[in-house]
Amino acid sequence: METVHHCKPSELMREIEQIPPQYLPQLFQIVHSYRESITKKESLVDFEQSWLQAVSGDTTPVSELWEDIDAA
């Protein structure tokens, strides 16, 4: 199986255009699920990093967070 190292959006669209119409709903579901899984992984990584900072005491007091905010 050939490994694809990069893909331009136009190349991806050409591939999609070659798929028979009756299979497009399944492809849509695959792409949608893949995109959601990437987003969830990124969110989980961000949460884990924030959790480790909080547990280690690497935090900023709330009073300092508001210092540079202009409430005009």
C-alpha atoms as a PDB file:
ATOM      1  CA  MET A   1       0.000   0.000   0.000  1.00  0.00           C
ATOM      2  CA  GLU A   2       1.413   3.386  -1.000  1.00  0.00           C
ATOM      3  CA  THR A   3       1.800   5.991   1.748  1.00  0.00           C
ATOM      4  CA  VAL A   4       0.529   9.467   0.924  1.00  0.00           C
ATOM      5  CA  HIS A   5       2.786  12.132   2.418  1.00  0.00           C
ATOM      6  CA  HIS A   6       0.775  15.182   1.437  1.00  0.00           C
ATOM      7  CA  CYS A   7      -2.512  15.967  -0.196  1.00  0.00           C
ATOM      8  CA  LYS A   8      -3.871  19.168  -1.656  1.00  0.00           C
ATOM      9  CA  PRO A   9      -7.604  19.858  -1.239  1.00  0.00           C
ATOM     10  CA  SER A  10      -8.011  19.760  -5.031  1.00  0.00           C
ATOM     11  CA  GLU A  11      -6.504  16.238  -5.131  1.00  0.00           C
ATOM     12  CA  LEU A  12      -8.867  15.106  -2.425  1.00  0.00           C
ATOM     13  CA  MET A  13     -11.834  16.546  -4.302  1.00  0.00           C
ATOM     14  CA  ARG A  14     -10.777  14.734  -7.499  1.00  0.00           C
ATOM     15  CA  GLU A  15     -10.757  11.452  -5.587  1.00  0.00           C
ATOM     16  CA  ILE A  16     -14.174  12.152  -4.058  1.00  0.00           C
ATOM     17  CA  GLU A  17     -15.631  13.016  -7.462  1.00  0.00           C
ATOM     18  CA  GLN A  18     -14.695   9.520  -8.671  1.00  0.00           C
ATOM     19  CA  ILE A  19     -16.723   7.769  -5.967  1.00  0.00           C
ATOM     20  CA  PRO A  20     -20.074   6.391  -7.133  1.00  0.00           C
ATOM     21  CA  PRO A  21     -22.944   8.522  -5.760  1.00  0.00           C
ATOM     22  CA  GLN A  22     -24.518   5.653  -3.824  1.00  0.00           C
ATOM     23  CA  TYR A  23     -21.384   5.501  -1.608  1.00  0.00           C
ATOM     24  CA  LEU A  24     -21.220   9.206  -0.795  1.00  0.00           C
ATOM     25  CA  PRO A  25     -23.318   8.984   2.405  1.00  0.00           C
ATOM     26  CA  GLN A  26     -20.896   6.414   3.836  1.00  0.00           C
ATOM     27  CA  LEU A  27     -17.904   8.515   2.821  1.00  0.00           C
ATOM     28  CA  PHE A  28     -19.471  11.563   4.409  1.00  0.00           C
ATOM     29  CA  GLN A  29     -19.932   9.651   7.669  1.00  0.00           C
ATOM     30  CA  ILE A  30     -16.308   8.479   7.610  1.00  0.00           C
ATOM     31  CA  VAL A  31     -14.981  11.993   6.995  1.00  0.00           C
ATOM     32  CA  HIS A  32     -17.285  13.483   9.636  1.00  0.00           C
ATOM     33  CA  SER A  33     -16.259  10.908  12.249  1.00  0.00           C
ATOM     34  CA  TYR A  34     -12.584  11.405  11.430  1.00  0.00           C
ATOM     35  CA  ARG A  35     -12.836  15.181  11.798  1.00  0.00           C
ATOM     36  CA  GLU A  36     -14.654  14.848  15.119  1.00  0.00           C
ATOM     37  CA  SER A  37     -12.048  12.417  16.436  1.00  0.00           C
ATOM     38  CA  ILE A  38      -9.235  14.852  15.600  1.00  0.00           C
ATOM     39  CA  THR A  39     -11.040  17.699  17.355  1.00  0.00           C
ATOM     40  CA  LYS A  40     -11.664  15.556  20.430  1.00  0.00           C
ATOM     41  CA  LYS A  41      -8.014  14.458  20.557  1.00  0.00           C
ATOM     42  CA  GLU A  42      -6.840  18.078  20.419  1.00  0.00           C
ATOM     43  CA  SER A  43      -9.281  19.033  23.172  1.00  0.00           C
ATOM     44  CA  LEU A  44      -8.141  16.117  25.307  1.00  0.00           C
ATOM     45  CA  VAL A  45      -4.479  17.094  24.907  1.00  0.00           C
ATOM     46  CA  ASP A  46      -5.317  20.694  25.896  1.00  0.00           C
ATOM     47  CA  PHE A  47      -7.287  19.477  28.921  1.00  0.00           C
ATOM     48  CA  GLU A  48      -4.511  17.125  30.030  1.00  0.00           C
ATOM     49  CA  GLN A  49      -1.942  19.929  29.808  1.00  0.00           C
ATOM     50  CA  SER A  50      -4.193  22.297  31.764  1.00  0.00           C
ATOM     51  CA  TRP A  51      -4.878  19.630  34.380  1.00  0.00           C
ATOM     52  CA  LEU A  52      -1.156  18.975  34.875  1.00  0.00           C
ATOM     53  CA  GLN A  53      -0.531  22.705  35.257  1.00  0.00           C
ATOM     54  CA  ALA A  54      -3.307  23.013  37.839  1.00  0.00           C
ATOM     55  CA  VAL A  55      -2.148  19.979  39.828  1.00  0.00           C
ATOM     56  CA  SER A  56       1.463  21.200  39.837  1.00  0.00           C
ATOM     57  CA  GLY A  57       0.419  24.661  41.041  1.00  0.00           C
ATOM     58  CA  ASP A  58       1.338  26.354  37.773  1.00  0.00           C
ATOM     59  CA  THR A  59      -1.670  28.677  37.948  1.00  0.00           C
ATOM     60  CA  THR A  60      -2.484  32.399  37.835  1.00  0.00           C
ATOM     61  CA  PRO A  61      -4.762  33.958  40.455  1.00  0.00           C
ATOM     62  CA  VAL A  62      -8.091  35.112  39.027  1.00  0.00           C
ATOM     63  CA  SER A  63      -7.428  38.653  40.279  1.00  0.00           C
ATOM     64  CA  GLU A  64      -4.374  38.829  37.988  1.00  0.00           C
ATOM     65  CA  LEU A  65      -6.319  37.568  34.985  1.00  0.00           C
ATOM     66  CA  TRP A  66      -8.505  40.677  35.051  1.00  0.00           C
ATOM     67  CA  GLU A  67      -5.652  43.226  35.404  1.00  0.00           C
ATOM     68  CA  ASP A  68      -5.230  44.088  31.719  1.00  0.00           C
ATOM     69  CA  ILE A  69      -8.871  43.808  30.715  1.00  0.00           C
ATOM     70  CA  ASP A  70     -10.531  47.140  29.971  1.00  0.00           C
ATOM     71  CA  ALA A  71     -14.162  46.996  31.125  1.00  0.00           C
ATOM     72  CA  ALA A  72     -15.168  50.097  29.167  1.00  0.00           C
END
